[in-house]
């Protein structure tokens, strides 16, 4: 038995105690690693969703600009047919 400087008995870890502690520690590390992996996966998923949404927004804006240009072109054709804007 080991004693501390103050004379009280010190706890001596047995091999069985060390194995139990190691198993618990390893379980905690595995759980933490799993949590970190899930957080990374969630972050990557969120980034993917954000990229997809940004691409969709760009496409919507391009389509809106294209429709506006086509509308102006049709309106100009109609005005020209009706003689609006003609200089006499």
N, C-alpha and C. Protein backbone atom coordinates (compact mmCIF):
# COMPACT_ATOMS: atom_id res chain seq x y z
N UNK A 1 0.84 -1.17 0.00
CA UNK A 1 0.00 0.00 0.00
C UNK A 1 0.89 1.24 0.00
N UNK A 2 0.44 2.23 -0.78
CA UNK A 2 1.19 3.49 -0.87
C UNK A 2 0.56 4.52 0.04
N UNK A 3 1.39 5.41 0.54
CA UNK A 3 0.89 6.47 1.41
C UNK A 3 1.30 7.83 0.85
N UNK A 4 0.41 8.80 1.05
CA UNK A 4 0.72 10.16 0.68
C UNK A 4 1.64 10.77 1.72
N UNK A 5 2.14 11.99 1.45
CA UNK A 5 3.03 12.66 2.40
C UNK A 5 2.36 12.89 3.75
N UNK A 6 1.03 13.09 3.71
CA UNK A 6 0.33 13.35 4.97
C UNK A 6 -0.02 12.06 5.71
N UNK A 7 0.36 10.92 5.17
CA UNK A 7 0.14 9.67 5.85
C UNK A 7 -1.12 8.93 5.45
N UNK A 8 -1.97 9.57 4.68
CA UNK A 8 -3.18 8.90 4.23
C UNK A 8 -2.85 7.89 3.14
N UNK A 9 -3.62 6.81 3.08
CA UNK A 9 -3.33 5.82 2.04
C UNK A 9 -3.70 6.35 0.65
N UNK A 10 -2.83 6.11 -0.31
CA UNK A 10 -3.07 6.53 -1.69
C UNK A 10 -3.76 5.40 -2.44
N UNK A 11 -4.65 5.77 -3.37
CA UNK A 11 -5.32 4.75 -4.16
C UNK A 11 -4.35 4.24 -5.21
N UNK A 12 -4.24 2.97 -5.30
CA UNK A 12 -3.38 2.36 -6.31
C UNK A 12 -4.30 1.73 -7.35
N UNK A 13 -4.13 2.16 -8.60
CA UNK A 13 -4.99 1.64 -9.66
C UNK A 13 -4.53 0.25 -10.06
N UNK A 14 -5.46 -0.66 -10.14
CA UNK A 14 -5.16 -2.01 -10.60
C UNK A 14 -5.29 -2.04 -12.12
N UNK A 15 -4.85 -3.10 -12.69
CA UNK A 15 -4.96 -3.27 -14.14
C UNK A 15 -6.43 -3.24 -14.56
N UNK A 16 -7.27 -3.83 -13.74
CA UNK A 16 -8.71 -3.84 -14.03
C UNK A 16 -9.27 -2.42 -14.01
N UNK A 17 -8.84 -1.61 -13.03
CA UNK A 17 -9.27 -0.21 -12.96
C UNK A 17 -8.83 0.55 -14.22
N UNK A 18 -7.61 0.31 -14.62
CA UNK A 18 -7.09 1.01 -15.82
C UNK A 18 -7.87 0.60 -17.07
N UNK A 19 -8.20 -0.67 -17.17
CA UNK A 19 -8.95 -1.13 -18.35
C UNK A 19 -10.35 -0.54 -18.39
N UNK A 20 -11.00 -0.47 -17.23
CA UNK A 20 -12.34 0.15 -17.18
C UNK A 20 -12.26 1.63 -17.59
N UNK A 21 -11.25 2.30 -17.04
CA UNK A 21 -11.09 3.73 -17.37
C UNK A 21 -10.79 3.92 -18.85
N UNK A 22 -9.94 3.06 -19.39
CA UNK A 22 -9.60 3.16 -20.81
C UNK A 22 -10.83 2.93 -21.68
N UNK A 23 -11.64 1.95 -21.30
CA UNK A 23 -12.85 1.67 -22.09
C UNK A 23 -13.80 2.87 -22.06
N UNK A 24 -13.96 3.46 -20.88
CA UNK A 24 -14.83 4.64 -20.75
C UNK A 24 -14.29 5.81 -21.56
N UNK A 25 -12.99 6.04 -21.43
CA UNK A 25 -12.35 7.15 -22.16
C UNK A 25 -12.48 6.94 -23.66
N UNK A 26 -12.25 5.74 -24.12
CA UNK A 26 -12.36 5.46 -25.55
C UNK A 26 -13.80 5.65 -26.04
N UNK A 27 -14.77 5.27 -25.23
CA UNK A 27 -16.17 5.46 -25.60
C UNK A 27 -16.48 6.95 -25.72
N UNK A 28 -15.99 7.74 -24.77
CA UNK A 28 -16.21 9.19 -24.81
C UNK A 28 -15.56 9.77 -26.06
N UNK A 29 -14.35 9.34 -26.37
CA UNK A 29 -13.67 9.84 -27.58
C UNK A 29 -14.42 9.46 -28.84
N UNK A 30 -14.93 8.24 -28.89
CA UNK A 30 -15.71 7.81 -30.06
C UNK A 30 -16.97 8.67 -30.22
N UNK A 31 -17.64 8.94 -29.10
CA UNK A 31 -18.86 9.75 -29.16
C UNK A 31 -18.54 11.17 -29.61
N UNK A 32 -17.45 11.73 -29.10
CA UNK A 32 -17.06 13.08 -29.52
C UNK A 32 -16.71 13.11 -31.00
N UNK A 33 -15.98 12.08 -31.45
CA UNK A 33 -15.61 12.01 -32.87
C UNK A 33 -16.86 11.90 -33.74
N UNK A 34 -17.84 11.15 -33.28
CA UNK A 34 -19.09 11.01 -34.02
C UNK A 34 -19.84 12.34 -34.10
N UNK A 35 -19.85 13.06 -32.98
CA UNK A 35 -20.51 14.37 -32.96
C UNK A 35 -19.81 15.33 -33.92
N UNK A 36 -18.48 15.34 -33.89
CA UNK A 36 -17.72 16.22 -34.80
C UNK A 36 -17.99 15.84 -36.25
N UNK A 37 -18.04 14.55 -36.53
CA UNK A 37 -18.31 14.10 -37.90
C UNK A 37 -19.70 14.53 -38.36
N UNK A 38 -20.68 14.43 -37.47
CA UNK A 38 -22.04 14.85 -37.82
C UNK A 38 -22.11 16.35 -38.05
N UNK A 39 -21.40 17.13 -37.20
CA UNK A 39 -21.39 18.58 -37.38
C UNK A 39 -20.74 18.96 -38.71
N UNK A 40 -19.66 18.26 -39.05
CA UNK A 40 -19.00 18.52 -40.34
C UNK A 40 -19.94 18.18 -41.49
N UNK A 41 -20.60 17.04 -41.39
CA UNK A 41 -21.54 16.64 -42.44
C UNK A 41 -22.67 17.66 -42.58
N UNK A 42 -23.20 18.13 -41.44
CA UNK A 42 -24.27 19.13 -41.48
C UNK A 42 -23.78 20.43 -42.11
N UNK A 43 -22.55 20.84 -41.75
CA UNK A 43 -22.02 22.08 -42.31
C UNK A 43 -21.84 21.96 -43.82
N UNK A 44 -21.31 20.82 -44.27
CA UNK A 44 -21.13 20.61 -45.70
C UNK A 44 -22.47 20.58 -46.43
N UNK A 45 -23.46 19.96 -45.80
CA UNK A 45 -24.79 19.90 -46.38
C UNK A 45 -25.38 21.31 -46.50
N UNK A 46 -25.22 22.10 -45.44
CA UNK A 46 -25.72 23.48 -45.48
C UNK A 46 -25.03 24.29 -46.56
N UNK A 47 -23.71 24.09 -46.71
CA UNK A 47 -22.99 24.81 -47.77
C UNK A 47 -23.49 24.40 -49.15
N UNK A 48 -23.75 23.08 -49.32
CA UNK A 48 -24.27 22.60 -50.59
C UNK A 48 -25.62 23.22 -50.90
N UNK A 49 -26.51 23.25 -49.89
CA UNK A 49 -27.83 23.83 -50.08
C UNK A 49 -27.72 25.32 -50.42
N UNK A 50 -26.80 26.03 -49.75
CA UNK A 50 -26.62 27.45 -50.03
C UNK A 50 -26.12 27.67 -51.46
N UNK A 51 -25.19 26.82 -51.92
CA UNK A 51 -24.70 26.95 -53.30
C UNK A 51 -25.83 26.70 -54.31
N UNK A 52 -26.64 25.68 -54.05
CA UNK A 52 -27.75 25.37 -54.94
C UNK A 52 -28.74 26.52 -54.97
N UNK A 53 -29.06 27.07 -53.80
CA UNK A 53 -30.01 28.18 -53.74
C UNK A 53 -29.45 29.42 -54.44
N UNK A 54 -28.16 29.68 -54.29
CA UNK A 54 -27.55 30.82 -54.98
C UNK A 54 -27.61 30.63 -56.49
N UNK A 55 -27.34 29.40 -56.96
CA UNK A 55 -27.40 29.12 -58.39
C UNK A 55 -28.83 29.32 -58.91
N UNK A 56 -29.82 28.84 -58.14
CA UNK A 56 -31.21 29.02 -58.55
C UNK A 56 -31.58 30.49 -58.61
N UNK A 57 -31.10 31.28 -57.64
CA UNK A 57 -31.39 32.71 -57.63
C UNK A 57 -30.77 33.38 -58.86
N UNK A 58 -29.52 33.00 -59.20
CA UNK A 58 -28.89 33.56 -60.41
C UNK A 58 -29.69 33.21 -61.66
N UNK A 59 -30.12 31.95 -61.74
CA UNK A 59 -30.90 31.52 -62.91
C UNK A 59 -32.23 32.28 -62.99
N UNK A 60 -32.88 32.46 -61.83
CA UNK A 60 -34.15 33.22 -61.83
C UNK A 60 -33.92 34.65 -62.29
N UNK A 61 -32.83 35.27 -61.84
CA UNK A 61 -32.53 36.64 -62.24
C UNK A 61 -32.22 36.71 -63.73
N UNK A 62 -31.47 35.74 -64.24
CA UNK A 62 -31.17 35.71 -65.68
C UNK A 62 -32.46 35.56 -66.49
N UNK A 63 -33.34 34.70 -66.05
CA UNK A 63 -34.61 34.48 -66.76
C UNK A 63 -35.46 35.75 -66.71
N UNK A 64 -35.48 36.43 -65.55
CA UNK A 64 -36.25 37.66 -65.42
C UNK A 64 -35.71 38.72 -66.39
N UNK A 65 -34.37 38.86 -66.44
CA UNK A 65 -33.78 39.84 -67.36
C UNK A 65 -34.07 39.49 -68.81
N UNK A 66 -34.01 38.18 -69.14
CA UNK A 66 -34.29 37.75 -70.52
C UNK A 66 -35.75 38.04 -70.88
N UNK A 67 -36.69 37.74 -69.95
CA UNK A 67 -38.10 38.03 -70.22
C UNK A 67 -38.34 39.53 -70.38
N UNK A 68 -37.66 40.33 -69.55
CA UNK A 68 -37.81 41.79 -69.65
C UNK A 68 -37.29 42.29 -70.99
N UNK A 69 -36.15 41.77 -71.44
CA UNK A 69 -35.60 42.19 -72.74
C UNK A 69 -36.54 41.77 -73.88
N UNK A 70 -37.10 40.56 -73.79
CA UNK A 70 -38.04 40.11 -74.82
C UNK A 70 -39.30 40.97 -74.81
N UNK A 71 -39.78 41.32 -73.61
CA UNK A 71 -40.98 42.15 -73.52
C UNK A 71 -40.73 43.51 -74.14
N UNK A 72 -39.55 44.10 -73.85
CA UNK A 72 -39.23 45.41 -74.44
C UNK A 72 -39.09 45.31 -75.95
N UNK A 73 -38.51 44.21 -76.42
CA UNK A 73 -38.37 44.04 -77.88
C UNK A 73 -39.74 43.94 -78.54
N UNK A 74 -40.65 43.16 -77.94
CA UNK A 74 -42.00 43.04 -78.51
C UNK A 74 -42.73 44.38 -78.45
N UNK A 75 -42.57 45.09 -77.34
CA UNK A 75 -43.24 46.39 -77.19
C UNK A 75 -42.72 47.37 -78.24
N UNK A 76 -41.40 47.33 -78.47
CA UNK A 76 -40.82 48.22 -79.48
C UNK A 76 -41.35 47.88 -80.87
N UNK A 77 -41.46 46.59 -81.16
CA UNK A 77 -42.00 46.18 -82.47
C UNK A 77 -43.43 46.67 -82.64
N UNK A 78 -44.23 46.55 -81.59
CA UNK A 78 -45.62 46.98 -81.68
C UNK A 78 -45.68 48.48 -81.89
N UNK A 79 -44.85 49.22 -81.15
CA UNK A 79 -44.86 50.68 -81.30
C UNK A 79 -44.44 51.09 -82.71
N UNK A 80 -43.46 50.37 -83.23
CA UNK A 80 -43.00 50.71 -84.57
C UNK A 80 -44.10 50.42 -85.59
N UNK A 81 -44.84 49.32 -85.41
CA UNK A 81 -45.93 48.99 -86.31
C UNK A 81 -47.04 50.03 -86.24
N UNK A 82 -47.28 50.52 -85.03
CA UNK A 82 -48.35 51.50 -84.85
C UNK A 82 -47.90 52.91 -85.19
N UNK A 83 -46.59 53.12 -85.39
CA UNK A 83 -46.09 54.42 -85.78
C UNK A 83 -45.71 55.29 -84.61
N UNK A 84 -45.74 54.74 -83.40
CA UNK A 84 -45.32 55.57 -82.26
C UNK A 84 -43.82 55.84 -82.35
N UNK A 85 -43.46 57.04 -81.98
CA UNK A 85 -42.06 57.41 -81.96
C UNK A 85 -41.55 57.80 -83.33
N UNK A 86 -42.42 57.76 -84.34
CA UNK A 86 -41.96 58.15 -85.68
C UNK A 86 -41.84 59.66 -85.74
N UNK A 87 -40.81 60.10 -86.43
CA UNK A 87 -40.60 61.55 -86.57
C UNK A 87 -41.16 61.98 -87.92
N UNK A 88 -41.94 63.01 -87.85
CA UNK A 88 -42.55 63.49 -89.10
C UNK A 88 -41.90 64.75 -89.55
